[in-house]
Amino acid sequence: MADNNERVPTVVVDDVHITYKVNGARTGKGSATSALSRIVSRRQAPGVREVHAVKGVSFAAYKGEAIGLIGSNGSGKSTLLKAIAGLLPATKGRVHTQGQPSLLGVNAALMSDLTGERNVVLGGLAMGMTRARIRERYQGIVDFSGINEKGDFITLPMRTYSSGMGARLRFSIAAAKSHDVLLIDEALSTGDARFQRRSKERIIELRKEAGTVFLVSHSNKSITETCDRAIWLEAGTLRMDGPAGEVVAAYEKFTSGKK
């Protein structure tokens, strides 16, 4: 973690609200006519509801920090990560970032019809790596992912991979490069204990090499082992922000009281 006297902010979330619309079931009868009528009158389609996913969240993140985002399902964690990554606009408030944020999730888009080998190259290029650097790090990426331990899977299309294999390869590609801000959504929940241990060690290295790591995980153990700070979101609001152990303990007490 960066020295407190030289704390460099990498992300500032300033009173951020995020709302989005969720479409309900659509009826087929008269749908074209009714849709045209709604466009003309600017009425909202029936069954569409507005979700206020993040409600006035504010915090600052600093270089060298690893911050865990915890909270119940639907609390706004993944939505907030997308806003920090610049993939989702804030309805109100602002997100300021220093450098380029990179979002890594278990659903991160790689090309399912292409081989793992080709996806390593494309993923590296998408992160701004040169072809020479990708060639240099290629074998390390494959070895780190462990997907070739039971066969030559790296030469097969990604659609033949299990969800765990795909997630491991995505993390391995992302972890091959230092990031100003790395946002990880549930990527460490896949794989065996050995891969999870390697992933946590790599996150520690990334913190030393570059900027800030955000981690969303349903595993409180992953949060306390990997992060020095945690932010607890509940129903879209910031419930607690502080040392990871203290925030996780408070969250576990809250969730046990709900059972």
C-alpha atoms as a PDB file:
ATOM      1  CA  MET A   1       0.000   0.000   0.000  1.00  0.00           C
ATOM      2  CA  ALA A   2       1.203   3.479  -0.771  1.00  0.00           C
ATOM      3  CA  ASP A   3       2.733   5.551   2.009  1.00  0.00           C
ATOM      4  CA  ASN A   4       0.038   7.652   3.736  1.00  0.00           C
ATOM      5  CA  ASN A   5       2.132  10.763   3.173  1.00  0.00           C
ATOM      6  CA  GLU A   6       2.141  10.121  -0.571  1.00  0.00           C
ATOM      7  CA  ARG A   7      -1.445   8.972  -1.081  1.00  0.00           C
ATOM      8  CA  VAL A   8      -2.277   9.363  -4.757  1.00  0.00           C
ATOM      9  CA  PRO A   9      -5.997   9.189  -5.591  1.00  0.00           C
ATOM     10  CA  THR A  10      -6.806   6.899  -8.534  1.00  0.00           C
ATOM     11  CA  VAL A  11     -10.617   6.828  -8.329  1.00  0.00           C
ATOM     12  CA  VAL A  12     -13.012   9.394  -6.872  1.00  0.00           C
ATOM     13  CA  VAL A  13     -16.711   8.495  -6.750  1.00  0.00           C
ATOM     14  CA  ASP A  14     -18.661  11.669  -5.986  1.00  0.00           C
ATOM     15  CA  ASP A  15     -22.338  11.314  -4.951  1.00  0.00           C
ATOM     16  CA  VAL A  16     -23.000   8.787  -7.715  1.00  0.00           C
ATOM     17  CA  HIS A  17     -26.519   7.632  -8.527  1.00  0.00           C
ATOM     18  CA  ILE A  18     -27.168   5.039 -11.223  1.00  0.00           C
ATOM     19  CA  THR A  19     -30.603   4.147 -12.534  1.00  0.00           C
ATOM     20  CA  TYR A  20     -31.518   1.893 -15.433  1.00  0.00           C
ATOM     21  CA  LYS A  21     -34.668   0.457 -16.963  1.00  0.00           C
ATOM     22  CA  VAL A  22     -35.634  -3.210 -16.891  1.00  0.00           C
ATOM     23  CA  ASN A  23     -38.004  -4.467 -19.570  1.00  0.00           C
ATOM     24  CA  GLY A  24     -40.896  -6.690 -18.580  1.00  0.00           C
ATOM     25  CA  ALA A  25     -42.753  -9.187 -20.713  1.00  0.00           C
ATOM     26  CA  ARG A  26     -43.803  -7.960 -24.150  1.00  0.00           C
ATOM     27  CA  THR A  27     -47.148  -8.815 -25.713  1.00  0.00           C
ATOM     28  CA  GLY A  28     -47.129  -9.636 -29.404  1.00  0.00           C
ATOM     29  CA  LYS A  29     -50.593  -8.358 -30.352  1.00  0.00           C
ATOM     30  CA  GLY A  30     -50.455  -4.851 -31.763  1.00  0.00           C
ATOM     31  CA  SER A  31     -46.863  -4.445 -30.579  1.00  0.00           C
ATOM     32  CA  ALA A  32     -45.700  -2.457 -33.638  1.00  0.00           C
ATOM     33  CA  THR A  33     -48.631  -0.048 -33.460  1.00  0.00           C
ATOM     34  CA  SER A  34     -48.395   0.365 -29.709  1.00  0.00           C
ATOM     35  CA  ALA A  35     -44.622   0.868 -29.915  1.00  0.00           C
ATOM     36  CA  LEU A  36     -45.058   3.610 -32.526  1.00  0.00           C
ATOM     37  CA  SER A  37     -47.717   5.221 -30.341  1.00  0.00           C
ATOM     38  CA  ARG A  38     -45.334   5.216 -27.360  1.00  0.00           C
ATOM     39  CA  ILE A  39     -42.551   6.767 -29.443  1.00  0.00           C
ATOM     40  CA  VAL A  40     -44.860   9.576 -30.558  1.00  0.00           C
ATOM     41  CA  SER A  41     -46.260  10.165 -27.078  1.00  0.00           C
ATOM     42  CA  ARG A  42     -42.942   9.351 -25.325  1.00  0.00           C
ATOM     43  CA  ARG A  43     -44.769   7.040 -22.966  1.00  0.00           C
ATOM     44  CA  GLN A  44     -42.854   4.252 -21.196  1.00  0.00           C
ATOM     45  CA  ALA A  45     -43.588   0.716 -22.359  1.00  0.00           C
ATOM     46  CA  PRO A  46     -45.847  -1.332 -20.061  1.00  0.00           C
ATOM     47  CA  GLY A  47     -43.881  -3.640 -17.817  1.00  0.00           C
ATOM     48  CA  VAL A  48     -40.795  -1.391 -17.880  1.00  0.00           C
ATOM     49  CA  ARG A  49     -39.572  -0.411 -14.448  1.00  0.00           C
ATOM     50  CA  GLU A  50     -36.755   1.827 -13.324  1.00  0.00           C
ATOM     51  CA  VAL A  51     -34.147   0.431 -10.957  1.00  0.00           C
ATOM     52  CA  HIS A  52     -32.198   2.821  -8.729  1.00  0.00           C
ATOM     53  CA  ALA A  53     -29.151   0.564  -8.374  1.00  0.00           C
ATOM     54  CA  VAL A  54     -26.634   2.979  -6.777  1.00  0.00           C
ATOM     55  CA  LYS A  55     -27.811   5.761  -4.466  1.00  0.00           C
ATOM     56  CA  GLY A  56     -25.484   8.630  -3.618  1.00  0.00           C
ATOM     57  CA  VAL A  57     -22.238   6.659  -3.150  1.00  0.00           C
ATOM     58  CA  SER A  58     -19.055   8.647  -2.465  1.00  0.00           C
ATOM     59  CA  PHE A  59     -15.493   7.496  -1.720  1.00  0.00           C
ATOM     60  CA  ALA A  60     -11.893   7.916  -2.879  1.00  0.00           C
ATOM     61  CA  ALA A  61      -9.486   5.084  -3.741  1.00  0.00           C
ATOM     62  CA  TYR A  62      -5.710   5.442  -3.671  1.00  0.00           C
ATOM     63  CA  LYS A  63      -2.733   3.980  -5.470  1.00  0.00           C
ATOM     64  CA  GLY A  64      -1.571   0.719  -3.929  1.00  0.00           C
ATOM     65  CA  GLU A  65      -4.909  -0.179  -2.354  1.00  0.00           C
ATOM     66  CA  ALA A  66      -6.867  -3.379  -2.858  1.00  0.00           C
ATOM     67  CA  ILE A  67     -10.514  -2.683  -2.083  1.00  0.00           C
ATOM     68  CA  GLY A  68     -13.171  -5.353  -1.673  1.00  0.00           C
ATOM     69  CA  LEU A  69     -16.774  -4.590  -2.570  1.00  0.00           C
ATOM     70  CA  ILE A  70     -19.225  -6.637  -0.530  1.00  0.00           C
ATOM     71  CA  GLY A  71     -22.986  -6.687  -0.081  1.00  0.00           C
ATOM     72  CA  SER A  72     -26.091  -8.754  -0.692  1.00  0.00           C
ATOM     73  CA  ASN A  73     -27.172  -9.780  -4.190  1.00  0.00           C
ATOM     74  CA  GLY A  74     -28.546  -6.751  -6.016  1.00  0.00           C
ATOM     75  CA  SER A  75     -26.766  -4.285  -3.743  1.00  0.00           C
ATOM     76  CA  GLY A  76     -25.132  -2.459  -6.690  1.00  0.00           C
ATOM     77  CA  LYS A  77     -21.577  -3.839  -6.562  1.00  0.00           C
ATOM     78  CA  SER A  78     -21.245  -4.890 -10.201  1.00  0.00           C
ATOM     79  CA  THR A  79     -23.136  -1.797 -11.368  1.00  0.00           C
ATOM     80  CA  LEU A  80     -20.681   0.430  -9.508  1.00  0.00           C
ATOM     81  CA  LEU A  81     -17.718  -1.412 -11.056  1.00  0.00           C
ATOM     82  CA  LYS A  82     -19.139  -0.805 -14.536  1.00  0.00           C
ATOM     83  CA  ALA A  83     -19.513   2.896 -13.749  1.00  0.00           C
ATOM     84  CA  ILE A  84     -15.885   3.125 -12.565  1.00  0.00           C
ATOM     85  CA  ALA A  85     -14.817   1.317 -15.756  1.00  0.00           C
ATOM     86  CA  GLY A  86     -16.670   3.917 -17.824  1.00  0.00           C
ATOM     87  CA  LEU A  87     -19.125   1.340 -19.215  1.00  0.00           C
ATOM     88  CA  LEU A  88     -22.190   2.737 -17.444  1.00  0.00           C
ATOM     89  CA  PRO A  89     -22.937   6.456 -17.093  1.00  0.00           C
ATOM     90  CA  ALA A  90     -23.868   7.943 -13.737  1.00  0.00           C
ATOM     91  CA  THR A  91     -27.402   9.316 -13.657  1.00  0.00           C
ATOM     92  CA  LYS A  92     -26.230  11.864 -11.108  1.00  0.00           C
ATOM     93  CA  GLY A  93     -22.820  12.639  -9.614  1.00  0.00           C
ATOM     94  CA  ARG A  94     -19.455  11.885 -11.190  1.00  0.00           C
ATOM     95  CA  VAL A  95     -16.727   9.260 -11.335  1.00  0.00           C
ATOM     96  CA  HIS A  96     -13.168  10.540 -11.736  1.00  0.00           C
ATOM     97  CA  THR A  97     -10.354   8.110 -12.602  1.00  0.00           C
ATOM     98  CA  GLN A  98      -6.606   8.543 -12.926  1.00  0.00           C
ATOM     99  CA  GLY A  99      -5.404   6.388 -15.796  1.00  0.00           C
ATOM    100  CA  GLN A 100      -7.369   3.719 -17.634  1.00  0.00           C
ATOM    101  CA  PRO A 101      -9.597   1.357 -15.603  1.00  0.00           C
ATOM    102  CA  SER A 102      -9.806  -2.276 -16.772  1.00  0.00           C
ATOM    103  CA  LEU A 103     -12.835  -4.405 -15.885  1.00  0.00           C
ATOM    104  CA  LEU A 104     -12.341  -8.152 -15.571  1.00  0.00           C
ATOM    105  CA  GLY A 105     -15.445 -10.266 -14.985  1.00  0.00           C
ATOM    106  CA  VAL A 106     -16.378 -13.893 -15.403  1.00  0.00           C
ATOM    107  CA  ASN A 107     -18.516 -12.775 -18.341  1.00  0.00           C
ATOM    108  CA  ALA A 108     -15.782 -10.655 -19.927  1.00  0.00           C
ATOM    109  CA  ALA A 109     -16.168 -10.873 -23.674  1.00  0.00           C
ATOM    110  CA  LEU A 110     -13.747 -13.153 -25.429  1.00  0.00           C
ATOM    111  CA  MET A 111     -14.548 -14.744 -28.782  1.00  0.00           C
ATOM    112  CA  SER A 112     -16.136 -18.141 -28.144  1.00  0.00           C
ATOM    113  CA  ASP A 113     -15.555 -19.437 -31.678  1.00  0.00           C
ATOM    114  CA  LEU A 114     -11.848 -18.607 -31.590  1.00  0.00           C
ATOM    115  CA  THR A 115      -9.205 -20.720 -29.895  1.00  0.00           C
ATOM    116  CA  GLY A 116      -7.849 -19.864 -26.477  1.00  0.00           C
ATOM    117  CA  GLU A 117      -4.530 -19.138 -28.185  1.00  0.00           C
ATOM    118  CA  ARG A 118      -6.127 -16.540 -30.472  1.00  0.00           C
ATOM    119  CA  ASN A 119      -8.041 -15.021 -27.555  1.00  0.00           C
ATOM    120  CA  VAL A 120      -4.795 -14.538 -25.636  1.00  0.00           C
ATOM    121  CA  VAL A 121      -3.458 -12.488 -28.553  1.00  0.00           C
ATOM    122  CA  LEU A 122      -6.664 -10.466 -29.005  1.00  0.00           C
ATOM    123  CA  GLY A 123      -7.043  -9.906 -25.266  1.00  0.00           C
ATOM    124  CA  GLY A 124      -3.474  -8.669 -25.021  1.00  0.00           C
ATOM    125  CA  LEU A 125      -3.934  -6.319 -27.971  1.00  0.00           C
ATOM    126  CA  ALA A 126      -7.161  -4.983 -26.436  1.00  0.00           C
ATOM    127  CA  MET A 127      -5.201  -4.093 -23.296  1.00  0.00           C
ATOM    128  CA  GLY A 128      -2.645  -2.178 -25.355  1.00  0.00           C
ATOM    129  CA  MET A 129       0.135  -4.764 -25.340  1.00  0.00           C
ATOM    130  CA  THR A 130       2.338  -5.080 -28.412  1.00  0.00           C
ATOM    131  CA  ARG A 131       2.487  -8.354 -30.332  1.00  0.00           C
ATOM    132  CA  ALA A 132       6.095  -8.748 -29.221  1.00  0.00           C
ATOM    133  CA  ARG A 133       5.106  -8.384 -25.548  1.00  0.00           C
ATOM    134  CA  ILE A 134       2.243 -10.858 -26.023  1.00  0.00           C
ATOM    135  CA  ARG A 135       4.626 -13.418 -27.556  1.00  0.00           C
ATOM    136  CA  GLU A 136       7.002 -12.833 -24.658  1.00  0.00           C
ATOM    137  CA  ARG A 137       4.301 -13.450 -22.049  1.00  0.00           C
ATOM    138  CA  TYR A 138       2.170 -15.988 -23.917  1.00  0.00           C
ATOM    139  CA  GLN A 139       3.488 -19.158 -22.274  1.00  0.00           C
ATOM    140  CA  GLY A 140       3.319 -17.565 -18.837  1.00  0.00           C
ATOM    141  CA  ILE A 141      -0.350 -16.686 -19.411  1.00  0.00           C
ATOM    142  CA  VAL A 142      -1.186 -20.240 -20.470  1.00  0.00           C
ATOM    143  CA  ASP A 143       0.766 -21.789 -17.584  1.00  0.00           C
ATOM    144  CA  PHE A 144      -0.822 -19.423 -15.049  1.00  0.00           C
ATOM    145  CA  SER A 145      -4.344 -20.324 -16.235  1.00  0.00           C
ATOM    146  CA  GLY A 146      -3.659 -24.039 -15.861  1.00  0.00           C
ATOM    147  CA  ILE A 147      -6.057 -24.875 -18.697  1.00  0.00           C
ATOM    148  CA  ASN A 148      -3.476 -27.058 -20.474  1.00  0.00           C
ATOM    149  CA  GLU A 149      -2.778 -29.269 -17.486  1.00  0.00           C
ATOM    150  CA  LYS A 150      -5.208 -31.949 -18.724  1.00  0.00           C
ATOM    151  CA  GLY A 151      -4.786 -31.528 -22.464  1.00  0.00           C
ATOM    152  CA  ASP A 152      -3.990 -29.045 -25.193  1.00  0.00           C
ATOM    153  CA  PHE A 153      -7.097 -26.932 -24.553  1.00  0.00           C
ATOM    154  CA  ILE A 154      -5.423 -23.668 -25.564  1.00  0.00           C
ATOM    155  CA  THR A 155      -5.713 -24.764 -29.226  1.00  0.00           C
ATOM    156  CA  LEU A 156      -9.464 -25.480 -28.933  1.00  0.00           C
ATOM    157  CA  PRO A 157     -12.315 -22.962 -29.367  1.00  0.00           C
ATOM    158  CA  MET A 158     -13.334 -21.148 -26.179  1.00  0.00           C
ATOM    159  CA  ARG A 159     -16.883 -22.537 -26.525  1.00  0.00           C
ATOM    160  CA  THR A 160     -15.492 -25.957 -25.581  1.00  0.00           C
ATOM    161  CA  TYR A 161     -14.227 -24.627 -22.228  1.00  0.00           C
ATOM    162  CA  SER A 162     -16.013 -24.967 -18.926  1.00  0.00           C
ATOM    163  CA  SER A 163     -17.019 -21.669 -17.271  1.00  0.00           C
ATOM    164  CA  GLY A 164     -14.150 -22.140 -14.812  1.00  0.00           C
ATOM    165  CA  MET A 165     -11.575 -22.609 -17.559  1.00  0.00           C
ATOM    166  CA  GLY A 166     -12.814 -19.511 -19.371  1.00  0.00           C
ATOM    167  CA  ALA A 167     -12.700 -17.424 -16.208  1.00  0.00           C
ATOM    168  CA  ARG A 168      -9.165 -18.608 -15.401  1.00  0.00           C
ATOM    169  CA  LEU A 169      -7.942 -17.704 -18.885  1.00  0.00           C
ATOM    170  CA  ARG A 170      -9.581 -14.251 -18.682  1.00  0.00           C
ATOM    171  CA  PHE A 171      -7.898 -13.526 -15.371  1.00  0.00           C
ATOM    172  CA  SER A 172      -4.554 -14.794 -16.668  1.00  0.00           C
ATOM    173  CA  ILE A 173      -4.733 -12.494 -19.709  1.00  0.00           C
ATOM    174  CA  ALA A 174      -5.668  -9.471 -17.598  1.00  0.00           C
ATOM    175  CA  ALA A 175      -3.025 -10.237 -14.972  1.00  0.00           C
ATOM    176  CA  ALA A 176      -0.262 -10.319 -17.603  1.00  0.00           C
ATOM    177  CA  LYS A 177      -0.233  -6.524 -17.656  1.00  0.00           C
ATOM    178  CA  SER A 178      -0.039  -3.863 -14.955  1.00  0.00           C
ATOM    179  CA  HIS A 179      -3.134  -1.675 -14.674  1.00  0.00           C
ATOM    180  CA  ASP A 180      -3.792   1.799 -13.311  1.00  0.00           C
ATOM    181  CA  VAL A 181      -7.108   0.514 -11.935  1.00  0.00           C
ATOM    182  CA  LEU A 182      -8.053  -3.179 -12.166  1.00  0.00           C
ATOM    183  CA  LEU A 183     -11.683  -4.086 -11.466  1.00  0.00           C
ATOM    184  CA  ILE A 184     -12.297  -7.785 -10.785  1.00  0.00           C
ATOM    185  CA  ASP A 185     -15.866  -9.111 -10.649  1.00  0.00           C
ATOM    186  CA  GLU A 186     -16.107 -12.617  -9.177  1.00  0.00           C
ATOM    187  CA  ALA A 187     -13.136 -13.903 -11.183  1.00  0.00           C
ATOM    188  CA  LEU A 188     -11.509 -15.447  -8.114  1.00  0.00           C
ATOM    189  CA  SER A 189     -14.530 -17.593  -7.265  1.00  0.00           C
ATOM    190  CA  THR A 190     -13.594 -20.052 -10.005  1.00  0.00           C
ATOM    191  CA  GLY A 191     -10.837 -22.607 -10.139  1.00  0.00           C
ATOM    192  CA  ASP A 192      -9.241 -24.793  -7.543  1.00  0.00           C
ATOM    193  CA  ALA A 193      -7.497 -23.683  -4.371  1.00  0.00           C
ATOM    194  CA  ARG A 194      -4.121 -23.586  -6.122  1.00  0.00           C
ATOM    195  CA  PHE A 195      -5.363 -21.199  -8.835  1.00  0.00           C
ATOM    196  CA  GLN A 196      -7.098 -19.005  -6.254  1.00  0.00           C
ATOM    197  CA  ARG A 197      -3.851 -18.799  -4.281  1.00  0.00           C
ATOM    198  CA  ARG A 198      -1.879 -17.835  -7.400  1.00  0.00           C
ATOM    199  CA  SER A 199      -4.513 -15.226  -8.262  1.00  0.00           C
ATOM    200  CA  LYS A 200      -4.316 -13.619  -4.834  1.00  0.00           C
ATOM    201  CA  GLU A 201      -0.516 -13.520  -5.040  1.00  0.00           C
ATOM    202  CA  ARG A 202      -0.750 -11.893  -8.476  1.00  0.00           C
ATOM    203  CA  ILE A 203      -3.154  -9.235  -7.177  1.00  0.00           C
ATOM    204  CA  ILE A 204      -0.617  -8.334  -4.488  1.00  0.00           C
ATOM    205  CA  GLU A 205       2.041  -7.967  -7.223  1.00  0.00           C
ATOM    206  CA  LEU A 206      -0.292  -5.804  -9.340  1.00  0.00           C
ATOM    207  CA  ARG A 207      -0.831  -3.469  -6.394  1.00  0.00           C
ATOM    208  CA  LYS A 208       2.918  -3.030  -6.032  1.00  0.00           C
ATOM    209  CA  GLU A 209       3.478  -2.567  -9.772  1.00  0.00           C
ATOM    210  CA  ALA A 210       0.764  -0.077 -10.526  1.00  0.00           C
ATOM    211  CA  GLY A 211      -2.405   1.340  -9.080  1.00  0.00           C
ATOM    212  CA  THR A 212      -5.565   0.138  -7.430  1.00  0.00           C
ATOM    213  CA  VAL A 213      -7.425  -3.170  -7.423  1.00  0.00           C
ATOM    214  CA  PHE A 214     -11.183  -3.479  -6.789  1.00  0.00           C
ATOM    215  CA  LEU A 215     -12.510  -6.960  -6.064  1.00  0.00           C
ATOM    216  CA  VAL A 216     -16.150  -8.068  -5.979  1.00  0.00           C
ATOM    217  CA  SER A 217     -16.522 -11.483  -4.405  1.00  0.00           C
ATOM    218  CA  HIS A 218     -19.127 -13.464  -2.486  1.00  0.00           C
ATOM    219  CA  SER A 219     -16.246 -15.079  -0.624  1.00  0.00           C
ATOM    220  CA  ASN A 220     -15.576 -13.006   2.477  1.00  0.00           C
ATOM    221  CA  LYS A 221     -12.396 -15.035   2.976  1.00  0.00           C
ATOM    222  CA  SER A 222     -11.094 -13.850  -0.427  1.00  0.00           C
ATOM    223  CA  ILE A 223     -11.828 -10.251   0.584  1.00  0.00           C
ATOM    224  CA  THR A 224     -10.023 -10.420   3.930  1.00  0.00           C
ATOM    225  CA  GLU A 225      -7.041 -12.320   2.477  1.00  0.00           C
ATOM    226  CA  THR A 226      -6.640 -10.138  -0.622  1.00  0.00           C
ATOM    227  CA  CYS A 227      -7.841  -6.659   0.372  1.00  0.00           C
ATOM    228  CA  ASP A 228      -6.756  -4.191   3.030  1.00  0.00           C
ATOM    229  CA  ARG A 229      -9.959  -2.149   2.705  1.00  0.00           C
ATOM    230  CA  ALA A 230     -13.599  -3.022   2.066  1.00  0.00           C
ATOM    231  CA  ILE A 231     -16.670  -1.076   1.000  1.00  0.00           C
ATOM    232  CA  TRP A 232     -20.063  -2.504   1.966  1.00  0.00           C
ATOM    233  CA  LEU A 233     -22.991  -1.637  -0.293  1.00  0.00           C
ATOM    234  CA  GLU A 234     -26.531  -2.491   0.740  1.00  0.00           C
ATOM    235  CA  ALA A 235     -29.590  -1.704  -1.409  1.00  0.00           C
ATOM    236  CA  GLY A 236     -27.434   0.692  -3.432  1.00  0.00           C
ATOM    237  CA  THR A 237     -26.183   2.743  -0.488  1.00  0.00           C
ATOM    238  CA  LEU A 238     -22.747   2.811   1.105  1.00  0.00           C
ATOM    239  CA  ARG A 239     -23.214   1.108   4.465  1.00  0.00           C
ATOM    240  CA  MET A 240     -19.586   0.995   5.665  1.00  0.00           C
ATOM    241  CA  ASP A 241     -16.066   1.782   4.415  1.00  0.00           C
ATOM    242  CA  GLY A 242     -12.970   0.792   6.375  1.00  0.00           C
ATOM    243  CA  PRO A 243     -10.412  -1.943   7.134  1.00  0.00           C
ATOM    244  CA  ALA A 244     -11.438  -5.155   5.378  1.00  0.00           C
ATOM    245  CA  GLY A 245     -11.596  -7.275   8.527  1.00  0.00           C
ATOM    246  CA  GLU A 246     -13.852  -4.823  10.349  1.00  0.00           C
ATOM    247  CA  VAL A 247     -16.217  -4.280   7.416  1.00  0.00           C
ATOM    248  CA  VAL A 248     -16.528  -8.015   6.675  1.00  0.00           C
ATOM    249  CA  ALA A 249     -17.219  -8.749  10.363  1.00  0.00           C
ATOM    250  CA  ALA A 250     -19.988  -6.125  10.434  1.00  0.00           C
ATOM    251  CA  TYR A 251     -21.460  -7.481   7.193  1.00  0.00           C
ATOM    252  CA  GLU A 252     -21.419 -11.072   8.477  1.00  0.00           C
ATOM    253  CA  LYS A 253     -23.170  -9.956  11.673  1.00  0.00           C
ATOM    254  CA  PHE A 254     -25.798  -8.182   9.552  1.00  0.00           C
ATOM    255  CA  THR A 255     -26.402 -11.181   7.278  1.00  0.00           C
ATOM    256  CA  SER A 256     -26.586 -13.652  10.191  1.00  0.00           C
ATOM    257  CA  GLY A 257     -29.204 -11.432  11.820  1.00  0.00           C
ATOM    258  CA  LYS A 258     -31.345 -11.623   8.673  1.00  0.00           C
ATOM    259  CA  LYS A 259     -31.524 -15.424   8.739  1.00  0.00           C
END
